[in-house]
Amino acid sequence: MYNPTPDTDGYEWPNCVACHRPLWADETNRLACRPCQDKTGQRIAALPGLFQQLDTTAMLMRGARRPGGGSSGSKTPPIPPRLEVLALVGPGGVAARLAAVEDAWRQALGWPIVPPTAVRAVHPVWRGSGGSQRVGAPVGGEHVYPYWRTQGAAGAVTRHVAFLGNNLLWACSSYESVGQDVEEIRRLHAECLALVQGERRPGRVPIGACPTVLEDGRCGTALTASAASHRLHCGGCGSRWETLGEWRELRAAQERMLAELATRQEAEGVAA
């Protein structure tokens, strides 16, 4: 259960590095809470299936049209309009983003990082006239891609998912940067799921001005929020609001700012 120590001793109760909610008493030896671990594990496990649905010609060419209207006998291939799908299934997409997380975890664990290519060593051999054989020192040969990098992006995604799933408990318990990796996996899963389900990216709506107090007054930068995320960031001063409590504090601060502005305007009107 959540059992914070009184503030009188100066102790700050630890929060989850991913969702920033207070950890339960039996989670204080962790960096990320169990709900975040469970959700991240589910998202990791779902990525191969989502990738398989995205990595199809039908998904990539959905809504494609031929340039110039195109006739039925045209040999000009259609233009793939869904570049967002190509960005996920192509180079730098799902496989590369998962590989970056895996490489970071391997480095933190002290395990070797899988190289993108391997060099095959070549041993020159000389044969004498009498049938003798001499093997020379190995020399660098041509670059050969390891088998786990030559079976396509789908195979790479499956292997990265297996590694991340097997080591997720360690990351949530001991890896200091797990919070940003949990967010990256959440974002990657959301992007894939939105494309598979045909959802449009939600727009942003204004929610008032930033009430953060700076040295020269309040920030006042216009804030916008999206239904795609509960996280809010001010581009002016860098303030962040993420939890429900922080959103309530933001609303209360905005109301105080509006009250101060109304009082100031009223005073200026009386003085005039």
Protein backbone atom coordinates (compact mmCIF):
# COMPACT_ATOMS: atom_id res chain seq x y z
CA MET A 1 0.00 0.00 0.00
CA TYR A 2 1.02 3.64 -0.42
CA ASN A 3 2.55 4.66 2.89
CA PRO A 4 4.50 7.94 2.62
CA THR A 5 6.87 9.04 5.33
CA PRO A 6 5.87 12.33 7.01
CA ASP A 7 7.40 15.43 5.45
CA THR A 8 8.91 16.47 8.78
CA ASP A 9 11.93 14.21 8.26
CA GLY A 10 12.71 15.70 4.85
CA TYR A 11 12.22 12.40 3.07
CA GLU A 12 10.67 12.54 -0.40
CA TRP A 13 8.57 9.51 -1.26
CA PRO A 14 9.78 8.01 -4.58
CA ASN A 15 7.64 8.30 -7.69
CA CYS A 16 7.47 6.08 -10.74
CA VAL A 17 9.89 7.39 -13.37
CA ALA A 18 7.36 6.61 -16.11
CA CYS A 19 3.96 7.82 -14.86
CA HIS A 20 5.30 9.92 -11.93
CA ARG A 21 2.74 8.52 -9.50
CA PRO A 22 3.93 7.63 -5.97
CA LEU A 23 5.23 4.09 -5.70
CA TRP A 24 3.55 1.64 -3.33
CA ALA A 25 5.43 0.60 -0.21
CA ASP A 26 6.41 -2.75 -1.76
CA GLU A 27 7.66 -1.00 -4.93
CA THR A 28 10.24 1.30 -3.36
CA ASN A 29 13.05 -0.94 -4.64
CA ARG A 30 11.89 -0.25 -8.20
CA LEU A 31 12.17 2.69 -10.59
CA ALA A 32 8.96 2.06 -12.54
CA CYS A 33 5.73 0.85 -10.97
CA ARG A 34 4.18 -2.52 -11.74
CA PRO A 35 1.23 -1.09 -13.71
CA CYS A 36 3.67 0.67 -16.05
CA GLN A 37 5.66 -2.54 -16.39
CA ASP A 38 2.52 -4.54 -17.17
CA LYS A 39 1.28 -2.03 -19.75
CA THR A 40 4.71 -1.80 -21.36
CA GLY A 41 4.95 -5.59 -21.53
CA GLN A 42 1.57 -5.78 -23.26
CA ARG A 43 2.60 -3.11 -25.76
CA ILE A 44 5.90 -4.85 -26.50
CA ALA A 45 4.12 -8.17 -27.06
CA ALA A 46 1.63 -6.52 -29.45
CA LEU A 47 4.24 -4.88 -31.69
CA PRO A 48 5.08 -7.92 -33.92
CA GLY A 49 1.40 -8.40 -34.79
CA LEU A 50 0.89 -4.69 -35.48
CA PHE A 51 4.04 -4.61 -37.60
CA GLN A 52 2.86 -7.61 -39.60
CA GLN A 53 -0.40 -5.81 -40.38
CA LEU A 54 1.45 -2.65 -41.42
CA ASP A 55 4.09 -4.40 -43.52
CA THR A 56 1.75 -5.23 -46.39
CA THR A 57 1.29 -3.77 -49.84
CA ALA A 58 -2.40 -3.22 -49.14
CA MET A 59 -1.66 -1.11 -46.07
CA LEU A 60 1.07 0.88 -47.80
CA MET A 61 -0.94 1.49 -50.99
CA ARG A 62 -4.32 2.13 -49.40
CA GLY A 63 -5.73 5.18 -51.15
CA ALA A 64 -2.93 5.25 -53.74
CA ARG A 65 -3.55 6.97 -57.04
CA ARG A 66 -1.62 7.17 -60.26
CA PRO A 67 0.01 10.49 -61.14
CA GLY A 68 -2.00 12.56 -63.57
CA GLY A 69 -5.13 10.52 -63.00
CA GLY A 70 -3.59 7.46 -64.63
CA SER A 71 -5.39 5.31 -67.19
CA SER A 72 -6.22 1.67 -66.79
CA GLY A 73 -3.40 0.74 -69.18
CA SER A 74 -0.75 2.95 -67.58
CA LYS A 75 2.51 1.27 -66.60
CA THR A 76 3.39 4.01 -64.14
CA PRO A 77 3.30 2.58 -60.63
CA PRO A 78 0.98 4.28 -58.16
CA ILE A 79 2.42 6.70 -55.63
CA PRO A 80 2.26 5.35 -52.06
CA PRO A 81 0.53 8.14 -50.15
CA ARG A 82 0.92 6.62 -46.70
CA LEU A 83 4.43 7.74 -45.93
CA GLU A 84 3.67 7.36 -42.23
CA VAL A 85 3.34 3.59 -42.81
CA LEU A 86 6.59 3.51 -44.77
CA ALA A 87 8.29 5.39 -41.94
CA LEU A 88 7.38 2.56 -39.53
CA VAL A 89 8.09 -0.48 -41.70
CA GLY A 90 11.15 0.89 -43.51
CA PRO A 91 14.66 1.81 -42.34
CA GLY A 92 14.55 3.84 -39.17
CA GLY A 93 11.10 2.47 -38.32
CA VAL A 94 9.87 0.02 -35.71
CA ALA A 95 12.88 -2.32 -35.96
CA ALA A 96 15.42 0.50 -35.67
CA ARG A 97 13.64 2.17 -32.76
CA LEU A 98 13.42 -1.11 -30.85
CA ALA A 99 17.06 -1.83 -31.68
CA ALA A 100 18.06 1.51 -30.14
CA VAL A 101 16.31 0.58 -26.88
CA GLU A 102 17.85 -2.90 -26.90
CA ASP A 103 21.35 -1.51 -27.52
CA ALA A 104 20.96 0.92 -24.61
CA TRP A 105 19.87 -1.91 -22.30
CA ARG A 106 22.75 -4.12 -23.45
CA GLN A 107 25.20 -1.33 -22.78
CA ALA A 108 23.79 -0.80 -19.27
CA LEU A 109 24.00 -4.55 -18.60
CA GLY A 110 27.55 -4.76 -19.92
CA TRP A 111 26.51 -7.15 -22.66
CA PRO A 112 27.90 -6.96 -26.22
CA ILE A 113 25.89 -4.84 -28.63
CA VAL A 114 24.93 -6.63 -31.84
CA PRO A 115 26.85 -4.95 -34.69
CA PRO A 116 24.94 -3.99 -37.85
CA THR A 117 27.45 -5.89 -39.96
CA ALA A 118 30.15 -8.46 -39.35
CA VAL A 119 33.41 -8.94 -41.19
CA ARG A 120 34.20 -12.46 -42.26
CA ALA A 121 37.87 -13.34 -41.70
CA VAL A 122 39.69 -14.91 -44.65
CA HIS A 123 42.67 -17.22 -44.04
CA PRO A 124 44.94 -17.36 -47.09
CA VAL A 125 46.28 -20.85 -47.84
CA TRP A 126 49.43 -21.72 -49.78
CA ARG A 127 50.21 -25.19 -51.05
CA GLY A 128 53.74 -26.28 -51.81
CA SER A 129 54.85 -28.47 -54.74
CA GLY A 130 55.29 -31.40 -52.39
CA GLY A 131 51.74 -31.18 -51.11
CA SER A 132 52.54 -29.18 -47.99
CA GLN A 133 50.03 -26.61 -46.86
CA ARG A 134 50.58 -23.32 -45.04
CA VAL A 135 47.81 -21.17 -43.62
CA GLY A 136 48.49 -17.48 -43.36
CA ALA A 137 47.26 -14.94 -40.84
CA PRO A 138 43.59 -13.96 -41.20
CA VAL A 139 42.83 -10.89 -43.25
CA GLY A 140 39.63 -8.86 -43.46
CA GLY A 141 37.12 -10.12 -45.94
CA GLU A 142 33.88 -8.82 -47.35
CA HIS A 143 31.17 -7.47 -45.06
CA VAL A 144 28.58 -10.07 -44.24
CA TYR A 145 25.30 -9.22 -42.53
CA PRO A 146 24.60 -11.52 -39.56
CA TYR A 147 21.63 -13.85 -39.98
CA TRP A 148 19.52 -11.94 -37.45
CA ARG A 149 19.85 -8.81 -39.61
CA THR A 150 19.19 -10.42 -42.98
CA GLN A 151 15.76 -11.98 -42.43
CA GLY A 152 13.85 -8.75 -42.91
CA ALA A 153 12.51 -6.15 -40.53
CA ALA A 154 9.72 -8.45 -39.32
CA GLY A 155 12.24 -10.97 -38.03
CA ALA A 156 14.27 -8.22 -36.38
CA VAL A 157 11.16 -6.85 -34.64
CA THR A 158 10.38 -10.32 -33.25
CA ARG A 159 13.89 -10.71 -31.85
CA HIS A 160 14.00 -7.23 -30.36
CA VAL A 161 10.62 -7.81 -28.75
CA ALA A 162 11.85 -11.08 -27.24
CA PHE A 163 14.89 -9.36 -25.74
CA LEU A 164 12.95 -6.41 -24.35
CA GLY A 165 10.22 -8.62 -22.93
CA ASN A 166 12.74 -10.90 -21.22
CA ASN A 167 14.61 -7.98 -19.64
CA LEU A 168 11.72 -5.65 -18.85
CA LEU A 169 11.66 -6.56 -15.16
CA TRP A 170 15.35 -5.69 -14.82
CA ALA A 171 14.83 -2.37 -16.62
CA CYS A 172 11.88 -1.36 -14.43
CA SER A 173 13.86 -2.26 -11.32
CA SER A 174 17.39 -1.04 -12.07
CA TYR A 175 17.74 0.92 -15.32
CA GLU A 176 17.77 4.66 -14.61
CA SER A 177 16.59 5.67 -18.10
CA VAL A 178 13.70 3.22 -18.21
CA GLY A 179 11.18 6.08 -18.02
CA GLN A 180 12.08 7.44 -21.44
CA ASP A 181 12.13 3.93 -22.92
CA VAL A 182 8.67 3.21 -21.52
CA GLU A 183 7.48 6.42 -23.17
CA GLU A 184 9.17 5.52 -26.48
CA ILE A 185 7.51 2.10 -26.51
CA ARG A 186 4.14 3.66 -25.63
CA ARG A 187 4.51 6.17 -28.46
CA LEU A 188 5.64 3.51 -30.95
CA HIS A 189 2.73 1.23 -30.04
CA ALA A 190 0.26 4.12 -30.33
CA GLU A 191 1.57 5.08 -33.78
CA CYS A 192 1.27 1.51 -35.07
CA LEU A 193 -2.15 0.96 -33.53
CA ALA A 194 -3.53 4.22 -34.92
CA LEU A 195 -2.47 3.30 -38.46
CA VAL A 196 -3.80 -0.25 -38.22
CA GLN A 197 -7.15 0.98 -36.92
CA GLY A 198 -7.28 3.82 -39.43
CA GLU A 199 -7.44 6.50 -36.78
CA ARG A 200 -6.57 10.07 -37.57
CA ARG A 201 -4.11 11.89 -35.39
CA PRO A 202 -6.10 14.01 -32.93
CA GLY A 203 -5.70 17.75 -33.15
CA ARG A 204 -4.73 20.11 -30.38
CA VAL A 205 -7.03 22.44 -28.51
CA PRO A 206 -6.14 25.61 -26.59
CA ILE A 207 -6.48 25.36 -22.80
CA GLY A 208 -5.37 28.80 -21.67
CA ALA A 209 -2.11 30.51 -20.78
CA CYS A 210 0.79 29.12 -18.78
CA PRO A 211 0.53 30.46 -15.19
CA THR A 212 4.12 29.66 -14.17
CA VAL A 213 5.68 32.52 -12.22
CA LEU A 214 9.04 33.69 -13.61
CA GLU A 215 11.40 36.41 -12.44
CA ASP A 216 9.74 39.04 -14.62
CA GLY A 217 6.16 37.87 -14.08
CA ARG A 218 4.02 35.01 -15.29
CA CYS A 219 5.00 33.04 -18.39
CA GLY A 220 1.70 33.52 -20.26
CA THR A 221 2.57 31.19 -23.17
CA ALA A 222 -0.53 29.76 -24.85
CA LEU A 223 -0.96 26.08 -23.92
CA THR A 224 -2.53 23.40 -26.10
CA ALA A 225 -3.48 19.83 -25.24
CA SER A 226 -4.17 16.69 -27.26
CA ALA A 227 -6.42 13.73 -26.53
CA ALA A 228 -3.53 11.49 -27.57
CA SER A 229 -1.55 12.23 -24.41
CA HIS A 230 -2.15 13.32 -20.83
CA ARG A 231 1.23 15.05 -20.77
CA LEU A 232 1.34 18.82 -21.21
CA HIS A 233 4.46 20.86 -21.91
CA CYS A 234 4.90 24.61 -22.06
CA GLY A 235 7.12 25.63 -24.96
CA GLY A 236 7.89 28.94 -23.29
CA CYS A 237 9.24 28.11 -19.84
CA GLY A 238 9.46 24.32 -20.03
CA SER A 239 6.93 23.59 -17.28
CA ARG A 240 5.24 20.18 -17.38
CA TRP A 241 1.93 18.82 -16.11
CA GLU A 242 1.28 15.09 -16.33
CA THR A 243 -0.74 13.69 -13.44
CA LEU A 244 -4.38 14.43 -12.59
CA GLY A 245 -3.26 16.36 -9.53
CA GLU A 246 -0.91 18.50 -11.60
CA TRP A 247 -3.70 19.25 -14.09
CA ARG A 248 -5.90 20.41 -11.20
CA GLU A 249 -3.07 22.60 -9.91
CA LEU A 250 -2.67 24.05 -13.40
CA ARG A 251 -6.37 24.89 -13.59
CA ALA A 252 -6.33 26.51 -10.14
CA ALA A 253 -3.25 28.56 -11.04
CA GLN A 254 -4.89 29.71 -14.29
CA GLU A 255 -7.97 30.82 -12.36
CA ARG A 256 -5.79 32.79 -9.94
CA MET A 257 -3.99 34.39 -12.85
CA LEU A 258 -7.29 35.42 -14.46
CA ALA A 259 -8.51 36.83 -11.12
CA GLU A 260 -5.32 38.86 -10.76
CA LEU A 261 -5.68 40.16 -14.30
CA ALA A 262 -9.31 41.15 -13.69
CA THR A 263 -8.38 42.94 -10.45
CA ARG A 264 -5.55 44.79 -12.19
CA GLN A 265 -7.78 45.88 -15.07
CA GLU A 266 -10.45 47.05 -12.62
CA ALA A 267 -7.89 49.08 -10.69
CA GLU A 268 -6.57 50.63 -13.88
CA GLY A 269 -10.13 51.54 -14.91
CA VAL A 270 -10.79 53.26 -11.58
CA ALA A 271 -7.51 55.15 -11.79
CA ALA A 272 -8.35 56.36 -15.27
